[in-house]
Amino acid sequence: GEFKGGSFKSATKAKCPIVPVALIDSFKPFDTNTISPVTVQVHFLKPMYYEEYKDMKTTEIAAEVKRRIEEVIGQYA
C-alpha cells in the first residue's frame, strides 16, 4: 500500500532516526498453498537522521522512505 505521511509525525516530533526496513519474499507464505519453509530476507537500511529530514514535509519523508525500500527490493526481484 501507499505510505502515509502521518505515520512519520511521531518520528519528526521526537527528532529520532527513521530506519527503513525492506522485507524480501515476506508475501510467499501467504501466496503458496503449502507449509514448506520459506526464506524471508529482512534488510535494515541506512537510518535517516533528523538533520536529514527536518526540513521535509511528512509526505516527502514517506516518499523518500518508500523510494529507499523499493530500491533494495528491486535489487532482489
Protein backbone atom coordinates (compact mmCIF):
# COMPACT_ATOMS: atom_id res chain seq x y z
CA GLY A 1 0.00 0.00 0.00
CA GLU A 2 0.87 3.64 -0.07
CA PHE A 3 3.00 5.17 2.65
CA LYS A 4 1.08 7.78 4.63
CA GLY A 5 2.86 10.92 5.80
CA GLY A 6 1.05 10.84 9.14
CA SER A 7 2.89 7.71 10.16
CA PHE A 8 6.09 9.77 10.37
CA LYS A 9 4.74 12.55 12.60
CA SER A 10 5.86 10.88 15.82
CA ALA A 11 9.41 10.50 14.48
CA THR A 12 9.56 14.17 13.49
CA LYS A 13 8.24 15.31 16.87
CA ALA A 14 10.71 13.07 18.71
CA LYS A 15 13.54 14.07 16.31
CA CYS A 16 14.61 10.43 16.20
CA PRO A 17 16.19 8.44 13.36
CA ILE A 18 13.92 6.66 10.89
CA VAL A 19 15.18 3.21 9.94
CA PRO A 20 13.60 1.90 6.72
CA VAL A 21 13.16 -1.88 6.60
CA ALA A 22 12.83 -3.85 3.36
CA LEU A 23 11.21 -7.29 3.50
CA ILE A 24 12.04 -9.60 0.62
CA ASP A 25 9.68 -12.52 -0.13
CA SER A 26 7.60 -11.96 3.02
CA PHE A 27 4.44 -12.49 0.94
CA LYS A 28 5.35 -16.04 -0.12
CA PRO A 29 3.95 -17.88 2.91
CA PHE A 30 0.56 -16.33 2.20
CA ASP A 31 0.60 -16.86 -1.59
CA THR A 32 1.53 -20.54 -1.59
CA ASN A 33 -0.77 -23.36 -0.59
CA THR A 34 1.92 -25.31 1.26
CA ILE A 35 3.66 -25.45 4.61
CA SER A 36 7.14 -25.63 3.07
CA PRO A 37 9.80 -23.43 4.67
CA VAL A 38 10.30 -20.05 3.03
CA THR A 39 13.38 -17.86 3.28
CA VAL A 40 12.48 -14.25 4.02
CA GLN A 41 15.13 -11.54 3.95
CA VAL A 42 14.99 -8.55 6.29
CA HIS A 43 17.17 -5.58 5.29
CA PHE A 44 17.63 -2.73 7.77
CA LEU A 45 18.58 0.27 5.65
CA LYS A 46 20.69 3.30 6.48
CA PRO A 47 18.86 5.46 9.05
CA MET A 48 17.50 8.86 8.12
CA TYR A 49 18.64 11.18 10.89
CA TYR A 50 16.65 14.22 11.98
CA GLU A 51 19.15 16.59 10.37
CA GLU A 52 18.41 14.96 7.02
CA TYR A 53 14.61 15.17 7.19
CA LYS A 54 13.96 18.17 9.47
CA ASP A 55 13.03 20.48 6.57
CA MET A 56 10.87 17.90 4.77
CA LYS A 57 7.10 17.52 4.99
CA THR A 58 5.90 14.18 6.33
CA THR A 59 4.61 13.26 2.88
CA GLU A 60 8.09 13.91 1.46
CA ILE A 61 9.63 11.75 4.20
CA ALA A 62 7.18 8.96 3.35
CA ALA A 63 8.08 9.20 -0.35
CA GLU A 64 11.82 9.06 0.41
CA VAL A 65 11.49 6.06 2.75
CA LYS A 66 9.37 4.27 0.14
CA ARG A 67 11.93 5.05 -2.58
CA ARG A 68 14.77 3.61 -0.50
CA ILE A 69 12.84 0.44 0.29
CA GLU A 70 11.77 -0.04 -3.32
CA GLU A 71 15.39 0.39 -4.44
CA VAL A 72 16.50 -2.52 -2.25
CA ILE A 73 13.54 -4.69 -3.20
CA GLY A 74 14.30 -4.02 -6.88
CA GLN A 75 17.80 -5.46 -6.42
CA TYR A 76 16.32 -8.82 -5.37
CA ALA A 77 13.32 -9.02 -7.69
